[in-house]
Amino acid sequence: MNYLKNKITDWIKNYAIKNNLDALIIGVSGGIDSAVVSTLCARTGLKTIVLNLPINSKESNTDLSSLHCSWLCKTFDNVKTRQIDMTPAFDSFQDTMTAHNYCNSLAAANSKSRLRMMSLYHIATCNNGLVVGTGNKVEDFGVGFYTKYGDGGVDISPIADLTKTQVRKLAAELQINNKIIEAPPTDGLWEDYRTDEEQIGASYEELEWAMEHLSNNINIDLTSRQKEVINIYNKFHNKNRHKMTSIPVFNASKF
């Protein structure tokens, strides 16, 4: 993992320099993925702006985000952090949609993610920076567990080829606080503060297994739970396939 953290750090830094960008912008949720990515960015030595953007957020998640941001600032001279409460902006948007009878809990959850994306890009533009993604392999290429043009709207994805298990090992190598490593993964978009596992119906470890099993076409007898996990994986993968492929373009040259 020591070798991997150095390679990813160099990859981020080289991309920014090659594209004449001055800063790295990352949204920190209090979860392990964003903690790892923000730390890798900080290690580049480039200006790193780490943002906590709560929207009616659970206090424990905001506390973990603040804990990590404080540690980054103490550890790296190139890091600046800011907490911007986006709740008033979101509530105003929701009031407008509700006034026109556009009420849907999933739409509201996705709008939170997209509002954060807009904020990150606004701040990135103000600093000639790029928005750094925090999605892992299972989320980005397995079950598509992210918001299209929300947390999926980024410029680069440093850990999108790492499983959650690999991210946890990398977090330990980077000396991320154990409270963050051990916290149940959650997207923080729902009013009942449901975890990722509660939403999906399977843990990331189970989804990693299903992804590997299906990609390698392993021929073994499966338990009832393994069959259930594969069905869950396939359901999400098929439902969210549109997020994980290029936008369809009508080919006018054929006519």
C-alpha atoms as a PDB file:
ATOM      1  CA  MET A   1       0.000   0.000   0.000  1.00  0.00           C
ATOM      2  CA  ASN A   2       2.948   2.349   0.530  1.00  0.00           C
ATOM      3  CA  TYR A   3       3.852   1.955  -3.141  1.00  0.00           C
ATOM      4  CA  LEU A   4       0.205   2.481  -4.168  1.00  0.00           C
ATOM      5  CA  LYS A   5      -0.264   5.683  -2.161  1.00  0.00           C
ATOM      6  CA  ASN A   6       2.847   7.170  -3.776  1.00  0.00           C
ATOM      7  CA  LYS A   7       1.757   6.183  -7.284  1.00  0.00           C
ATOM      8  CA  ILE A   8      -1.728   7.678  -6.856  1.00  0.00           C
ATOM      9  CA  THR A   9      -0.310  10.850  -5.309  1.00  0.00           C
ATOM     10  CA  ASP A  10       2.057  11.277  -8.268  1.00  0.00           C
ATOM     11  CA  TRP A  11      -0.768  10.552 -10.723  1.00  0.00           C
ATOM     12  CA  ILE A  12      -2.943  13.300  -9.236  1.00  0.00           C
ATOM     13  CA  LYS A  13      -0.099  15.809  -9.158  1.00  0.00           C
ATOM     14  CA  ASN A  14       1.057  15.071 -12.707  1.00  0.00           C
ATOM     15  CA  TYR A  15      -2.472  15.415 -14.073  1.00  0.00           C
ATOM     16  CA  ALA A  16      -2.929  18.835 -12.476  1.00  0.00           C
ATOM     17  CA  ILE A  17       0.456  20.114 -13.638  1.00  0.00           C
ATOM     18  CA  LYS A  18       0.007  18.774 -17.166  1.00  0.00           C
ATOM     19  CA  ASN A  19      -3.307  20.632 -17.444  1.00  0.00           C
ATOM     20  CA  ASN A  20      -1.980  23.879 -15.911  1.00  0.00           C
ATOM     21  CA  LEU A  21      -4.269  23.688 -12.890  1.00  0.00           C
ATOM     22  CA  ASP A  22      -3.365  25.194  -9.549  1.00  0.00           C
ATOM     23  CA  ALA A  23      -5.637  23.539  -7.012  1.00  0.00           C
ATOM     24  CA  LEU A  24      -7.382  20.312  -6.024  1.00  0.00           C
ATOM     25  CA  ILE A  25     -10.983  20.570  -4.766  1.00  0.00           C
ATOM     26  CA  ILE A  26     -12.517  17.741  -2.735  1.00  0.00           C
ATOM     27  CA  GLY A  27     -15.792  17.363  -0.890  1.00  0.00           C
ATOM     28  CA  VAL A  28     -15.306  15.567   2.433  1.00  0.00           C
ATOM     29  CA  SER A  29     -18.342  13.727   3.787  1.00  0.00           C
ATOM     30  CA  GLY A  30     -16.878  12.133   6.900  1.00  0.00           C
ATOM     31  CA  GLY A  31     -16.558   8.785   5.115  1.00  0.00           C
ATOM     32  CA  ILE A  32     -13.468   6.757   4.380  1.00  0.00           C
ATOM     33  CA  ASP A  33     -13.392   7.286   0.599  1.00  0.00           C
ATOM     34  CA  SER A  34     -13.300  11.080   0.743  1.00  0.00           C
ATOM     35  CA  ALA A  35     -10.854  10.942   3.670  1.00  0.00           C
ATOM     36  CA  VAL A  36      -8.438   8.830   1.637  1.00  0.00           C
ATOM     37  CA  VAL A  37      -8.754  10.940  -1.519  1.00  0.00           C
ATOM     38  CA  SER A  38      -8.328  14.252   0.318  1.00  0.00           C
ATOM     39  CA  THR A  39      -5.223  12.908   2.055  1.00  0.00           C
ATOM     40  CA  LEU A  40      -3.737  11.721  -1.230  1.00  0.00           C
ATOM     41  CA  CYS A  41      -4.403  15.173  -2.689  1.00  0.00           C
ATOM     42  CA  ALA A  42      -2.782  16.856   0.288  1.00  0.00           C
ATOM     43  CA  ARG A  43       0.324  14.714  -0.208  1.00  0.00           C
ATOM     44  CA  THR A  44       0.854  16.235  -3.685  1.00  0.00           C
ATOM     45  CA  GLY A  45       1.984  19.526  -2.161  1.00  0.00           C
ATOM     46  CA  LEU A  46      -0.431  21.372  -4.454  1.00  0.00           C
ATOM     47  CA  LYS A  47      -3.030  23.764  -3.080  1.00  0.00           C
ATOM     48  CA  THR A  48      -5.751  21.492  -1.719  1.00  0.00           C
ATOM     49  CA  ILE A  49      -9.171  22.847  -0.776  1.00  0.00           C
ATOM     50  CA  VAL A  50     -11.216  20.433   1.310  1.00  0.00           C
ATOM     51  CA  LEU A  51     -14.895  21.254   1.689  1.00  0.00           C
ATOM     52  CA  ASN A  52     -17.529  20.089   4.132  1.00  0.00           C
ATOM     53  CA  LEU A  53     -20.914  20.870   2.547  1.00  0.00           C
ATOM     54  CA  PRO A  54     -23.634  19.703   4.959  1.00  0.00           C
ATOM     55  CA  ILE A  55     -27.275  19.667   3.868  1.00  0.00           C
ATOM     56  CA  ASN A  56     -29.523  18.721   6.784  1.00  0.00           C
ATOM     57  CA  SER A  57     -26.677  16.358   7.623  1.00  0.00           C
ATOM     58  CA  LYS A  58     -26.386  13.951  10.529  1.00  0.00           C
ATOM     59  CA  GLU A  59     -24.287  15.566  13.254  1.00  0.00           C
ATOM     60  CA  SER A  60     -21.981  12.546  13.575  1.00  0.00           C
ATOM     61  CA  ASN A  61     -21.084  12.729   9.868  1.00  0.00           C
ATOM     62  CA  THR A  62     -20.374  16.452  10.097  1.00  0.00           C
ATOM     63  CA  ASP A  63     -18.239  15.811  13.190  1.00  0.00           C
ATOM     64  CA  LEU A  64     -16.185  13.158  11.357  1.00  0.00           C
ATOM     65  CA  SER A  65     -15.710  15.486   8.421  1.00  0.00           C
ATOM     66  CA  SER A  66     -14.559  18.285  10.743  1.00  0.00           C
ATOM     67  CA  LEU A  67     -12.260  15.853  12.555  1.00  0.00           C
ATOM     68  CA  HIS A  68     -10.583  14.854   9.294  1.00  0.00           C
ATOM     69  CA  CYS A  69     -10.354  18.426   7.994  1.00  0.00           C
ATOM     70  CA  SER A  70      -8.704  19.544  11.237  1.00  0.00           C
ATOM     71  CA  TRP A  71      -6.167  16.707  11.004  1.00  0.00           C
ATOM     72  CA  LEU A  72      -5.360  17.571   7.387  1.00  0.00           C
ATOM     73  CA  CYS A  73      -4.694  21.212   8.256  1.00  0.00           C
ATOM     74  CA  LYS A  74      -2.402  20.244  11.128  1.00  0.00           C
ATOM     75  CA  THR A  75      -0.525  17.709   8.981  1.00  0.00           C
ATOM     76  CA  PHE A  76      -0.206  19.531   5.640  1.00  0.00           C
ATOM     77  CA  ASP A  77       0.665  23.196   5.090  1.00  0.00           C
ATOM     78  CA  ASN A  78      -0.942  23.235   1.632  1.00  0.00           C
ATOM     79  CA  VAL A  79      -4.462  22.363   2.824  1.00  0.00           C
ATOM     80  CA  LYS A  80      -7.292  24.834   3.330  1.00  0.00           C
ATOM     81  CA  THR A  81     -10.675  23.709   4.647  1.00  0.00           C
ATOM     82  CA  ARG A  82     -14.057  25.344   4.699  1.00  0.00           C
ATOM     83  CA  GLN A  83     -17.475  24.280   5.971  1.00  0.00           C
ATOM     84  CA  ILE A  84     -20.342  25.784   3.986  1.00  0.00           C
ATOM     85  CA  ASP A  85     -23.850  24.919   5.121  1.00  0.00           C
ATOM     86  CA  MET A  86     -25.838  24.331   1.919  1.00  0.00           C
ATOM     87  CA  THR A  87     -29.098  23.645   3.787  1.00  0.00           C
ATOM     88  CA  PRO A  88     -30.692  27.081   3.104  1.00  0.00           C
ATOM     89  CA  ALA A  89     -29.919  26.809  -0.634  1.00  0.00           C
ATOM     90  CA  PHE A  90     -31.331  23.291  -0.794  1.00  0.00           C
ATOM     91  CA  ASP A  91     -34.445  24.185   1.202  1.00  0.00           C
ATOM     92  CA  SER A  92     -35.122  27.117  -1.124  1.00  0.00           C
ATOM     93  CA  PHE A  93     -34.773  24.856  -4.155  1.00  0.00           C
ATOM     94  CA  GLN A  94     -37.088  22.278  -2.585  1.00  0.00           C
ATOM     95  CA  ASP A  95     -39.695  24.922  -1.790  1.00  0.00           C
ATOM     96  CA  THR A  96     -39.665  26.010  -5.433  1.00  0.00           C
ATOM     97  CA  MET A  97     -40.070  22.444  -6.718  1.00  0.00           C
ATOM     98  CA  THR A  98     -42.800  21.684  -4.165  1.00  0.00           C
ATOM     99  CA  ALA A  99     -44.704  24.812  -5.198  1.00  0.00           C
ATOM    100  CA  HIS A 100     -44.914  23.315  -8.677  1.00  0.00           C
ATOM    101  CA  ASN A 101     -45.915  19.865  -7.346  1.00  0.00           C
ATOM    102  CA  TYR A 102     -42.556  18.222  -8.098  1.00  0.00           C
ATOM    103  CA  CYS A 103     -42.164  16.207  -4.908  1.00  0.00           C
ATOM    104  CA  ASN A 104     -40.110  12.997  -4.831  1.00  0.00           C
ATOM    105  CA  SER A 105     -37.778  11.702  -2.116  1.00  0.00           C
ATOM    106  CA  LEU A 106     -35.268  10.199  -4.587  1.00  0.00           C
ATOM    107  CA  ALA A 107     -35.205  13.413  -6.614  1.00  0.00           C
ATOM    108  CA  ALA A 108     -34.570  15.358  -3.413  1.00  0.00           C
ATOM    109  CA  ALA A 109     -31.708  13.071  -2.398  1.00  0.00           C
ATOM    110  CA  ASN A 110     -30.099  13.372  -5.835  1.00  0.00           C
ATOM    111  CA  SER A 111     -30.552  17.143  -5.797  1.00  0.00           C
ATOM    112  CA  LYS A 112     -28.487  17.327  -2.602  1.00  0.00           C
ATOM    113  CA  SER A 113     -25.640  15.563  -4.369  1.00  0.00           C
ATOM    114  CA  ARG A 114     -25.950  17.778  -7.452  1.00  0.00           C
ATOM    115  CA  LEU A 115     -25.995  20.940  -5.343  1.00  0.00           C
ATOM    116  CA  ARG A 116     -22.730  19.855  -3.752  1.00  0.00           C
ATOM    117  CA  MET A 117     -21.280  19.174  -7.208  1.00  0.00           C
ATOM    118  CA  MET A 118     -22.253  22.686  -8.345  1.00  0.00           C
ATOM    119  CA  SER A 119     -20.585  24.129  -5.263  1.00  0.00           C
ATOM    120  CA  LEU A 120     -17.375  22.178  -5.814  1.00  0.00           C
ATOM    121  CA  TYR A 121     -17.134  23.304  -9.433  1.00  0.00           C
ATOM    122  CA  HIS A 122     -17.888  26.905  -8.510  1.00  0.00           C
ATOM    123  CA  ILE A 123     -15.027  26.878  -6.010  1.00  0.00           C
ATOM    124  CA  ALA A 124     -12.768  25.002  -8.449  1.00  0.00           C
ATOM    125  CA  THR A 125     -13.319  27.663 -11.104  1.00  0.00           C
ATOM    126  CA  CYS A 126     -12.546  30.424  -8.605  1.00  0.00           C
ATOM    127  CA  ASN A 127      -9.209  28.729  -7.871  1.00  0.00           C
ATOM    128  CA  ASN A 128      -8.230  27.407 -11.334  1.00  0.00           C
ATOM    129  CA  GLY A 129      -8.662  23.959  -9.873  1.00  0.00           C
ATOM    130  CA  LEU A 130     -10.152  20.571 -10.630  1.00  0.00           C
ATOM    131  CA  VAL A 131     -12.769  18.551  -8.776  1.00  0.00           C
ATOM    132  CA  VAL A 132     -11.395  15.260  -7.489  1.00  0.00           C
ATOM    133  CA  GLY A 133     -13.784  12.300  -7.254  1.00  0.00           C
ATOM    134  CA  THR A 134     -14.091   9.985  -4.264  1.00  0.00           C
ATOM    135  CA  GLY A 135     -15.921   6.960  -5.718  1.00  0.00           C
ATOM    136  CA  ASN A 136     -14.490   3.445  -5.377  1.00  0.00           C
ATOM    137  CA  LYS A 137     -14.556   0.580  -7.885  1.00  0.00           C
ATOM    138  CA  VAL A 138     -17.721  -1.126  -6.668  1.00  0.00           C
ATOM    139  CA  GLU A 139     -19.656   2.156  -6.590  1.00  0.00           C
ATOM    140  CA  ASP A 140     -18.414   3.510  -9.921  1.00  0.00           C
ATOM    141  CA  PHE A 141     -18.239   0.367 -12.057  1.00  0.00           C
ATOM    142  CA  GLY A 142     -20.113  -2.331 -10.172  1.00  0.00           C
ATOM    143  CA  VAL A 143     -23.482  -1.184  -8.860  1.00  0.00           C
ATOM    144  CA  GLY A 144     -23.428   2.446 -10.018  1.00  0.00           C
ATOM    145  CA  PHE A 145     -24.133   3.671  -6.496  1.00  0.00           C
ATOM    146  CA  TYR A 146     -23.761   7.393  -7.058  1.00  0.00           C
ATOM    147  CA  THR A 147     -25.740  10.330  -8.383  1.00  0.00           C
ATOM    148  CA  LYS A 148     -25.403  11.085 -12.076  1.00  0.00           C
ATOM    149  CA  TYR A 149     -23.981  14.624 -12.362  1.00  0.00           C
ATOM    150  CA  GLY A 150     -23.803  14.697  -8.572  1.00  0.00           C
ATOM    151  CA  ASP A 151     -20.950  12.902  -6.829  1.00  0.00           C
ATOM    152  CA  GLY A 152     -20.389  11.282 -10.237  1.00  0.00           C
ATOM    153  CA  GLY A 153     -19.630  14.719 -11.718  1.00  0.00           C
ATOM    154  CA  VAL A 154     -15.849  14.986 -11.291  1.00  0.00           C
ATOM    155  CA  ASP A 155     -12.675  15.648 -13.268  1.00  0.00           C
ATOM    156  CA  ILE A 156     -10.516  12.743 -12.073  1.00  0.00           C
ATOM    157  CA  SER A 157     -11.144   9.592 -10.003  1.00  0.00           C
ATOM    158  CA  PRO A 158      -8.060   8.483  -8.038  1.00  0.00           C
ATOM    159  CA  ILE A 159      -9.589   5.462  -6.253  1.00  0.00           C
ATOM    160  CA  ALA A 160     -12.163   4.304  -8.826  1.00  0.00           C
ATOM    161  CA  ASP A 161     -10.070   1.195  -9.528  1.00  0.00           C
ATOM    162  CA  LEU A 162      -9.813   0.257  -5.834  1.00  0.00           C
ATOM    163  CA  THR A 163     -12.284  -1.896  -3.930  1.00  0.00           C
ATOM    164  CA  LYS A 164     -13.568  -0.810  -0.524  1.00  0.00           C
ATOM    165  CA  THR A 165     -11.240  -3.373   1.065  1.00  0.00           C
ATOM    166  CA  GLN A 166      -8.257  -1.797  -0.679  1.00  0.00           C
ATOM    167  CA  VAL A 167      -9.450   1.679   0.329  1.00  0.00           C
ATOM    168  CA  ARG A 168      -9.578   0.587   3.979  1.00  0.00           C
ATOM    169  CA  LYS A 169      -6.009  -0.740   3.786  1.00  0.00           C
ATOM    170  CA  LEU A 170      -4.883   2.485   2.143  1.00  0.00           C
ATOM    171  CA  ALA A 171      -6.651   4.501   4.841  1.00  0.00           C
ATOM    172  CA  ALA A 172      -4.679   2.669   7.530  1.00  0.00           C
ATOM    173  CA  GLU A 173      -1.444   3.307   5.613  1.00  0.00           C
ATOM    174  CA  LEU A 174      -2.322   7.013   5.406  1.00  0.00           C
ATOM    175  CA  GLN A 175      -3.068   7.080   9.159  1.00  0.00           C
ATOM    176  CA  ILE A 176      -6.705   8.115   8.712  1.00  0.00           C
ATOM    177  CA  ASN A 177      -8.553   8.301  12.032  1.00  0.00           C
ATOM    178  CA  ASN A 178     -10.008   4.928  13.056  1.00  0.00           C
ATOM    179  CA  LYS A 179     -13.403   6.525  13.757  1.00  0.00           C
ATOM    180  CA  ILE A 180     -13.649   7.292  10.026  1.00  0.00           C
ATOM    181  CA  ILE A 181     -12.332   3.895   8.937  1.00  0.00           C
ATOM    182  CA  GLU A 182     -14.834   2.080  11.146  1.00  0.00           C
ATOM    183  CA  ALA A 183     -17.873   4.295  10.441  1.00  0.00           C
ATOM    184  CA  PRO A 184     -20.676   2.581   8.453  1.00  0.00           C
ATOM    185  CA  PRO A 185     -20.578   3.890   4.848  1.00  0.00           C
ATOM    186  CA  THR A 186     -23.434   6.257   4.019  1.00  0.00           C
ATOM    187  CA  ASP A 187     -24.158   8.778   1.279  1.00  0.00           C
ATOM    188  CA  GLY A 188     -25.856  11.088   3.795  1.00  0.00           C
ATOM    189  CA  LEU A 189     -28.590  12.057   1.333  1.00  0.00           C
ATOM    190  CA  TRP A 190     -31.678  10.716   3.102  1.00  0.00           C
ATOM    191  CA  GLU A 191     -33.619  12.181   6.006  1.00  0.00           C
ATOM    192  CA  ASP A 192     -33.554   8.860   7.891  1.00  0.00           C
ATOM    193  CA  TYR A 193     -29.727   8.702   7.529  1.00  0.00           C
ATOM    194  CA  ARG A 194     -29.820   5.187   6.053  1.00  0.00           C
ATOM    195  CA  THR A 195     -26.478   3.470   5.445  1.00  0.00           C
ATOM    196  CA  ASP A 196     -25.248   2.248   2.059  1.00  0.00           C
ATOM    197  CA  GLU A 197     -25.772  -1.369   3.116  1.00  0.00           C
ATOM    198  CA  GLU A 198     -29.358  -0.628   4.161  1.00  0.00           C
ATOM    199  CA  GLN A 199     -30.010   0.950   0.764  1.00  0.00           C
ATOM    200  CA  ILE A 200     -28.333  -1.748  -1.315  1.00  0.00           C
ATOM    201  CA  GLY A 201     -29.097  -4.833   0.761  1.00  0.00           C
ATOM    202  CA  ALA A 202     -25.504  -6.079   0.771  1.00  0.00           C
ATOM    203  CA  SER A 203     -22.171  -5.021   2.245  1.00  0.00           C
ATOM    204  CA  TYR A 204     -19.313  -3.738   0.113  1.00  0.00           C
ATOM    205  CA  GLU A 205     -17.364  -6.908   0.885  1.00  0.00           C
ATOM    206  CA  GLU A 206     -20.233  -8.992  -0.489  1.00  0.00           C
ATOM    207  CA  LEU A 207     -20.517  -6.781  -3.573  1.00  0.00           C
ATOM    208  CA  GLU A 208     -16.767  -7.073  -4.176  1.00  0.00           C
ATOM    209  CA  TRP A 209     -17.116 -10.838  -4.069  1.00  0.00           C
ATOM    210  CA  ALA A 210     -20.032 -10.748  -6.539  1.00  0.00           C
ATOM    211  CA  MET A 211     -18.131  -8.455  -8.904  1.00  0.00           C
ATOM    212  CA  GLU A 212     -15.105 -10.766  -8.908  1.00  0.00           C
ATOM    213  CA  HIS A 213     -17.235 -13.898  -9.172  1.00  0.00           C
ATOM    214  CA  LEU A 214     -19.131 -12.609 -12.198  1.00  0.00           C
ATOM    215  CA  SER A 215     -16.102 -11.133 -13.963  1.00  0.00           C
ATOM    216  CA  ASN A 216     -14.118 -14.368 -13.618  1.00  0.00           C
ATOM    217  CA  ASN A 217     -17.103 -16.651 -14.296  1.00  0.00           C
ATOM    218  CA  ILE A 218     -16.167 -18.854 -11.343  1.00  0.00           C
ATOM    219  CA  ASN A 219     -17.947 -22.208 -11.368  1.00  0.00           C
ATOM    220  CA  ILE A 220     -18.715 -23.147  -7.749  1.00  0.00           C
ATOM    221  CA  ASP A 221     -21.754 -24.160  -5.749  1.00  0.00           C
ATOM    222  CA  LEU A 222     -23.258 -21.047  -4.199  1.00  0.00           C
ATOM    223  CA  THR A 223     -24.945 -20.609  -0.856  1.00  0.00           C
ATOM    224  CA  SER A 224     -28.392 -19.046  -0.706  1.00  0.00           C
ATOM    225  CA  ARG A 225     -26.871 -15.766   0.522  1.00  0.00           C
ATOM    226  CA  GLN A 226     -24.316 -15.724  -2.292  1.00  0.00           C
ATOM    227  CA  LYS A 227     -27.103 -16.194  -4.831  1.00  0.00           C
ATOM    228  CA  GLU A 228     -29.025 -13.372  -3.183  1.00  0.00           C
ATOM    229  CA  VAL A 229     -25.992 -11.062  -3.322  1.00  0.00           C
ATOM    230  CA  ILE A 230     -25.424 -11.815  -7.011  1.00  0.00           C
ATOM    231  CA  ASN A 231     -29.072 -10.963  -7.700  1.00  0.00           C
ATOM    232  CA  ILE A 232     -28.682  -7.690  -5.772  1.00  0.00           C
ATOM    233  CA  TYR A 233     -25.483  -6.860  -7.661  1.00  0.00           C
ATOM    234  CA  ASN A 234     -27.069  -7.595 -11.045  1.00  0.00           C
ATOM    235  CA  LYS A 235     -30.179  -5.588 -10.195  1.00  0.00           C
ATOM    236  CA  PHE A 236     -28.200  -2.457  -9.370  1.00  0.00           C
ATOM    237  CA  HIS A 237     -25.702  -2.962 -12.198  1.00  0.00           C
ATOM    238  CA  ASN A 238     -28.435  -3.272 -14.816  1.00  0.00           C
ATOM    239  CA  LYS A 239     -30.545  -0.460 -13.380  1.00  0.00           C
ATOM    240  CA  ASN A 240     -27.593   1.933 -13.236  1.00  0.00           C
ATOM    241  CA  ARG A 241     -25.839   0.867 -16.433  1.00  0.00           C
ATOM    242  CA  HIS A 242     -26.700   4.241 -18.008  1.00  0.00           C
ATOM    243  CA  LYS A 243     -24.429   5.948 -15.458  1.00  0.00           C
ATOM    244  CA  MET A 244     -21.460   3.744 -16.276  1.00  0.00           C
ATOM    245  CA  THR A 245     -21.477   4.066 -20.066  1.00  0.00           C
ATOM    246  CA  SER A 246     -20.943   6.975 -22.441  1.00  0.00           C
ATOM    247  CA  ILE A 247     -23.869   9.248 -23.253  1.00  0.00           C
ATOM    248  CA  PRO A 248     -25.646   7.882 -26.362  1.00  0.00           C
ATOM    249  CA  VAL A 249     -25.053  10.070 -29.416  1.00  0.00           C
ATOM    250  CA  PHE A 250     -27.181   9.903 -32.547  1.00  0.00           C
ATOM    251  CA  ASN A 251     -24.886   9.205 -35.515  1.00  0.00           C
ATOM    252  CA  ALA A 252     -26.092  11.551 -38.231  1.00  0.00           C
ATOM    253  CA  SER A 253     -23.321  10.439 -40.611  1.00  0.00           C
ATOM    254  CA  LYS A 254     -25.198   7.184 -41.258  1.00  0.00           C
ATOM    255  CA  PHE A 255     -28.068   8.997 -42.921  1.00  0.00           C
END
